[in-house]
Amino acid sequence: MSSNKLSERAWRMLEAGEDLKSVQARTRLSVAVLTGMMHDVNRQKRAQSAQQPTAKGRR
């Protein structure tokens, strides 16, 4: 989810009558989840690249 989509969703929640603190809490949670997912993907990429043999290892 892009920051633009996150902002749109927050505005819709506010327009629907949700209180600001609730919207802020949900937005922070969404950002935390997305950040964690990005860290996991990056960790997996690093692990995969570390497992690939080097040019010397292929000989």
PDB file of N, CA and C in Angstrom:
ATOM      1  N   MET A   1       0.860  -1.171   0.000  1.00  0.00           N
ATOM      2  CA  MET A   1       0.000   0.000   0.000  1.00  0.00           C
ATOM      3  C   MET A   1       0.905   1.232   0.000  1.00  0.00           C
ATOM      4  N   SER A   2       0.652   2.119  -0.927  1.00  0.00           N
ATOM      5  CA  SER A   2       1.465   3.330  -1.008  1.00  0.00           C
ATOM      6  C   SER A   2       1.025   4.329   0.063  1.00  0.00           C
ATOM      7  N   SER A   3       1.878   5.301   0.287  1.00  0.00           N
ATOM      8  CA  SER A   3       1.525   6.322   1.279  1.00  0.00           C
ATOM      9  C   SER A   3       0.299   7.107   0.822  1.00  0.00           C
ATOM     10  N   ASN A   4       0.141   7.255  -0.495  1.00  0.00           N
ATOM     11  CA  ASN A   4      -1.024   7.957  -1.018  1.00  0.00           C
ATOM     12  C   ASN A   4      -2.306   7.185  -0.695  1.00  0.00           C
ATOM     13  N   LYS A   5      -2.278   5.869  -0.883  1.00  0.00           N
ATOM     14  CA  LYS A   5      -3.451   5.037  -0.572  1.00  0.00           C
ATOM     15  C   LYS A   5      -3.738   5.073   0.928  1.00  0.00           C
ATOM     16  N   LEU A   6      -2.685   5.060   1.726  1.00  0.00           N
ATOM     17  CA  LEU A   6      -2.843   5.113   3.173  1.00  0.00           C
ATOM     18  C   LEU A   6      -3.493   6.433   3.585  1.00  0.00           C
ATOM     19  N   SER A   7      -3.062   7.520   2.962  1.00  0.00           N
ATOM     20  CA  SER A   7      -3.650   8.833   3.251  1.00  0.00           C
ATOM     21  C   SER A   7      -5.114   8.886   2.839  1.00  0.00           C
ATOM     22  N   GLU A   8      -5.412   8.333   1.656  1.00  0.00           N
ATOM     23  CA  GLU A   8      -6.804   8.313   1.189  1.00  0.00           C
ATOM     24  C   GLU A   8      -7.686   7.539   2.161  1.00  0.00           C
ATOM     25  N   ARG A   9      -7.177   6.405   2.614  1.00  0.00           N
ATOM     26  CA  ARG A   9      -7.959   5.588   3.547  1.00  0.00           C
ATOM     27  C   ARG A   9      -8.182   6.327   4.860  1.00  0.00           C
ATOM     28  N   ALA A  10      -7.145   7.012   5.333  1.00  0.00           N
ATOM     29  CA  ALA A  10      -7.274   7.773   6.581  1.00  0.00           C
ATOM     30  C   ALA A  10      -8.324   8.870   6.430  1.00  0.00           C
ATOM     31  N   TRP A  11      -8.305   9.575   5.305  1.00  0.00           N
ATOM     32  CA  TRP A  11      -9.303  10.626   5.079  1.00  0.00           C
ATOM     33  C   TRP A  11     -10.710  10.040   5.042  1.00  0.00           C
ATOM     34  N   ARG A  12     -10.867   8.899   4.359  1.00  0.00           N
ATOM     35  CA  ARG A  12     -12.198   8.269   4.301  1.00  0.00           C
ATOM     36  C   ARG A  12     -12.678   7.885   5.689  1.00  0.00           C
ATOM     37  N   MET A  13     -11.770   7.392   6.526  1.00  0.00           N
ATOM     38  CA  MET A  13     -12.142   7.020   7.888  1.00  0.00           C
ATOM     39  C   MET A  13     -12.585   8.254   8.675  1.00  0.00           C
ATOM     40  N   LEU A  14     -11.853   9.359   8.520  1.00  0.00           N
ATOM     41  CA  LEU A  14     -12.218  10.600   9.213  1.00  0.00           C
ATOM     42  C   LEU A  14     -13.564  11.124   8.721  1.00  0.00           C
ATOM     43  N   GLU A  15     -13.759  11.079   7.405  1.00  0.00           N
ATOM     44  CA  GLU A  15     -15.027  11.547   6.841  1.00  0.00           C
ATOM     45  C   GLU A  15     -16.197  10.682   7.292  1.00  0.00           C
ATOM     46  N   ALA A  16     -15.919   9.401   7.567  1.00  0.00           N
ATOM     47  CA  ALA A  16     -16.970   8.484   8.015  1.00  0.00           C
ATOM     48  C   ALA A  16     -17.307   8.689   9.490  1.00  0.00           C
ATOM     49  N   GLY A  17     -16.558   9.577  10.152  1.00  0.00           N
ATOM     50  CA  GLY A  17     -16.887   9.904  11.530  1.00  0.00           C
ATOM     51  C   GLY A  17     -16.001   9.268  12.583  1.00  0.00           C
ATOM     52  N   GLU A  18     -14.949   8.563  12.162  1.00  0.00           N
ATOM     53  CA  GLU A  18     -14.043   7.980  13.160  1.00  0.00           C
ATOM     54  C   GLU A  18     -13.220   9.095  13.796  1.00  0.00           C
ATOM     55  N   ASP A  19     -12.881   8.899  15.065  1.00  0.00           N
ATOM     56  CA  ASP A  19     -12.112   9.942  15.755  1.00  0.00           C
ATOM     57  C   ASP A  19     -10.650   9.907  15.315  1.00  0.00           C
ATOM     58  N   LEU A  20      -9.990  11.030  15.447  1.00  0.00           N
ATOM     59  CA  LEU A  20      -8.628  11.203  14.964  1.00  0.00           C
ATOM     60  C   LEU A  20      -7.652  10.218  15.605  1.00  0.00           C
ATOM     61  N   LYS A  21      -7.767  10.001  16.909  1.00  0.00           N
ATOM     62  CA  LYS A  21      -6.835   9.086  17.595  1.00  0.00           C
ATOM     63  C   LYS A  21      -6.949   7.665  17.049  1.00  0.00           C
ATOM     64  N   SER A  22      -8.161   7.241  16.754  1.00  0.00           N
ATOM     65  CA  SER A  22      -8.375   5.911  16.187  1.00  0.00           C
ATOM     66  C   SER A  22      -7.742   5.803  14.799  1.00  0.00           C
ATOM     67  N   VAL A  23      -7.936   6.835  13.993  1.00  0.00           N
ATOM     68  CA  VAL A  23      -7.366   6.846  12.643  1.00  0.00           C
ATOM     69  C   VAL A  23      -5.839   6.849  12.719  1.00  0.00           C
ATOM     70  N   GLN A  24      -5.278   7.644  13.628  1.00  0.00           N
ATOM     71  CA  GLN A  24      -3.823   7.684  13.791  1.00  0.00           C
ATOM     72  C   GLN A  24      -3.285   6.320  14.213  1.00  0.00           C
ATOM     73  N   ALA A  25      -3.968   5.664  15.140  1.00  0.00           N
ATOM     74  CA  ALA A  25      -3.519   4.357  15.615  1.00  0.00           C
ATOM     75  C   ALA A  25      -3.543   3.330  14.487  1.00  0.00           C
ATOM     76  N   ARG A  26      -4.608   3.328  13.718  1.00  0.00           N
ATOM     77  CA  ARG A  26      -4.701   2.376  12.604  1.00  0.00           C
ATOM     78  C   ARG A  26      -3.649   2.659  11.541  1.00  0.00           C
ATOM     79  N   THR A  27      -3.397   3.933  11.283  1.00  0.00           N
ATOM     80  CA  THR A  27      -2.395   4.298  10.284  1.00  0.00           C
ATOM     81  C   THR A  27      -1.008   3.869  10.748  1.00  0.00           C
ATOM     82  N   ARG A  28      -0.695   4.109  12.018  1.00  0.00           N
ATOM     83  CA  ARG A  28       0.608   3.681  12.560  1.00  0.00           C
ATOM     84  C   ARG A  28       0.762   2.168  12.474  1.00  0.00           C
ATOM     85  N   LEU A  29      -0.301   1.449  12.776  1.00  0.00           N
ATOM     86  CA  LEU A  29      -0.254  -0.008  12.706  1.00  0.00           C
ATOM     87  C   LEU A  29      -0.011  -0.461  11.268  1.00  0.00           C
ATOM     88  N   SER A  30      -0.696   0.149  10.319  1.00  0.00           N
ATOM     89  CA  SER A  30      -0.506  -0.205   8.908  1.00  0.00           C
ATOM     90  C   SER A  30       0.931   0.049   8.472  1.00  0.00           C
ATOM     91  N   VAL A  31       1.485   1.178   8.872  1.00  0.00           N
ATOM     92  CA  VAL A  31       2.868   1.502   8.521  1.00  0.00           C
ATOM     93  C   VAL A  31       3.823   0.490   9.151  1.00  0.00           C
ATOM     94  N   ALA A  32       3.580   0.117  10.393  1.00  0.00           N
ATOM     95  CA  ALA A  32       4.444  -0.858  11.071  1.00  0.00           C
ATOM     96  C   ALA A  32       4.394  -2.212  10.371  1.00  0.00           C
ATOM     97  N   VAL A  33       3.208  -2.631   9.977  1.00  0.00           N
ATOM     98  CA  VAL A  33       3.063  -3.920   9.287  1.00  0.00           C
ATOM     99  C   VAL A  33       3.783  -3.880   7.948  1.00  0.00           C
ATOM    100  N   LEU A  34       3.575  -2.825   7.181  1.00  0.00           N
ATOM    101  CA  LEU A  34       4.229  -2.709   5.878  1.00  0.00           C
ATOM    102  C   LEU A  34       5.745  -2.647   6.012  1.00  0.00           C
ATOM    103  N   THR A  35       6.234  -1.934   7.016  1.00  0.00           N
ATOM    104  CA  THR A  35       7.676  -1.849   7.245  1.00  0.00           C
ATOM    105  C   THR A  35       8.240  -3.223   7.588  1.00  0.00           C
ATOM    106  N   GLY A  36       7.539  -3.962   8.427  1.00  0.00           N
ATOM    107  CA  GLY A  36       7.968  -5.317   8.769  1.00  0.00           C
ATOM    108  C   GLY A  36       8.000  -6.224   7.559  1.00  0.00           C
ATOM    109  N   MET A  37       7.000  -6.099   6.697  1.00  0.00           N
ATOM    110  CA  MET A  37       6.961  -6.915   5.484  1.00  0.00           C
ATOM    111  C   MET A  37       8.135  -6.576   4.569  1.00  0.00           C
ATOM    112  N   MET A  38       8.456  -5.292   4.452  1.00  0.00           N
ATOM    113  CA  MET A  38       9.583  -4.889   3.616  1.00  0.00           C
ATOM    114  C   MET A  38      10.894  -5.437   4.175  1.00  0.00           C
ATOM    115  N   HIS A  39      11.056  -5.407   5.490  1.00  0.00           N
ATOM    116  CA  HIS A  39      12.267  -5.949   6.109  1.00  0.00           C
ATOM    117  C   HIS A  39      12.377  -7.447   5.851  1.00  0.00           C
ATOM    118  N   ASP A  40      11.260  -8.160   5.932  1.00  0.00           N
ATOM    119  CA  ASP A  40      11.271  -9.600   5.667  1.00  0.00           C
ATOM    120  C   ASP A  40      11.679  -9.899   4.230  1.00  0.00           C
ATOM    121  N   VAL A  41      11.131  -9.144   3.287  1.00  0.00           N
ATOM    122  CA  VAL A  41      11.470  -9.346   1.876  1.00  0.00           C
ATOM    123  C   VAL A  41      12.953  -9.084   1.653  1.00  0.00           C
ATOM    124  N   ASN A  42      13.459  -8.002   2.211  1.00  0.00           N
ATOM    125  CA  ASN A  42      14.883  -7.681   2.056  1.00  0.00           C
ATOM    126  C   ASN A  42      15.764  -8.747   2.696  1.00  0.00           C
ATOM    127  N   ARG A  43      15.359  -9.256   3.847  1.00  0.00           N
ATOM    128  CA  ARG A  43      16.118 -10.303   4.524  1.00  0.00           C
ATOM    129  C   ARG A  43      16.161 -11.565   3.661  1.00  0.00           C
ATOM    130  N   GLN A  44      15.025 -11.914   3.047  1.00  0.00           N
ATOM    131  CA  GLN A  44      14.970 -13.090   2.177  1.00  0.00           C
ATOM    132  C   GLN A  44      15.864 -12.909   0.954  1.00  0.00           C
ATOM    133  N   LYS A  45      15.856 -11.722   0.379  1.00  0.00           N
ATOM    134  CA  LYS A  45      16.704 -11.453  -0.788  1.00  0.00           C
ATOM    135  C   LYS A  45      18.175 -11.594  -0.427  1.00  0.00           C
ATOM    136  N   ARG A  46      18.555 -11.060   0.739  1.00  0.00           N
ATOM    137  CA  ARG A  46      19.954 -11.173   1.173  1.00  0.00           C
ATOM    138  C   ARG A  46      20.329 -12.626   1.406  1.00  0.00           C
ATOM    139  N   ALA A  47      19.418 -13.392   1.987  1.00  0.00           N
ATOM    140  CA  ALA A  47      19.700 -14.803   2.254  1.00  0.00           C
ATOM    141  C   ALA A  47      19.860 -15.569   0.949  1.00  0.00           C
ATOM    142  N   GLN A  48      19.036 -15.271  -0.033  1.00  0.00           N
ATOM    143  CA  GLN A  48      19.132 -15.954  -1.323  1.00  0.00           C
ATOM    144  C   GLN A  48      20.426 -15.607  -2.036  1.00  0.00           C
ATOM    145  N   SER A  49      20.812 -14.347  -2.010  1.00  0.00           N
ATOM    146  CA  SER A  49      22.045 -13.949  -2.690  1.00  0.00           C
ATOM    147  C   SER A  49      23.267 -14.526  -1.977  1.00  0.00           C
ATOM    148  N   ALA A  50      23.186 -14.719  -0.684  1.00  0.00           N
ATOM    149  CA  ALA A  50      24.305 -15.302   0.066  1.00  0.00           C
ATOM    150  C   ALA A  50      24.447 -16.787  -0.233  1.00  0.00           C
ATOM    151  N   GLN A  51      23.355 -17.441  -0.613  1.00  0.00           N
ATOM    152  CA  GLN A  51      23.396 -18.874  -0.894  1.00  0.00           C
ATOM    153  C   GLN A  51      23.875 -19.180  -2.307  1.00  0.00           C
ATOM    154  N   GLN A  52      23.818 -18.208  -3.212  1.00  0.00           N
ATOM    155  CA  GLN A  52      24.243 -18.447  -4.585  1.00  0.00           C
ATOM    156  C   GLN A  52      25.754 -18.624  -4.618  1.00  0.00           C
ATOM    157  N   PRO A  53      26.216 -19.623  -5.363  1.00  0.00           N
ATOM    158  CA  PRO A  53      27.668 -19.858  -5.417  1.00  0.00           C
ATOM    159  C   PRO A  53      28.384 -18.729  -6.154  1.00  0.00           C
ATOM    160  N   THR A  54      29.604 -18.499  -5.760  1.00  0.00           N
ATOM    161  CA  THR A  54      30.422 -17.484  -6.426  1.00  0.00           C
ATOM    162  C   THR A  54      31.011 -18.088  -7.689  1.00  0.00           C
ATOM    163  N   ALA A  55      31.688 -17.289  -8.486  1.00  0.00           N
ATOM    164  CA  ALA A  55      32.318 -17.778  -9.715  1.00  0.00           C
ATOM    165  C   ALA A  55      33.346 -18.857  -9.387  1.00  0.00           C
ATOM    166  N   LYS A  56      34.077 -18.690  -8.293  1.00  0.00           N
ATOM    167  CA  LYS A  56      35.068 -19.697  -7.904  1.00  0.00           C
ATOM    168  C   LYS A  56      34.384 -20.983  -7.460  1.00  0.00           C
ATOM    169  N   GLY A  57      33.251 -20.872  -6.834  1.00  0.00           N
ATOM    170  CA  GLY A  57      32.546 -22.046  -6.344  1.00  0.00           C
ATOM    171  C   GLY A  57      31.961 -22.895  -7.451  1.00  0.00           C
ATOM    172  N   ARG A  58      31.761 -22.330  -8.620  1.00  0.00           N
ATOM    173  CA  ARG A  58      31.173 -23.077  -9.737  1.00  0.00           C
ATOM    174  C   ARG A  58      32.187 -23.953 -10.440  1.00  0.00           C
ATOM    175  N   ARG A  59      33.454 -23.684 -10.285  1.00  0.00           N
ATOM    176  CA  ARG A  59      34.489 -24.439 -11.015  1.00  0.00           C
ATOM    177  C   ARG A  59      34.656 -25.828 -10.500  1.00  0.00           C
TER     178      ARG A  59
END
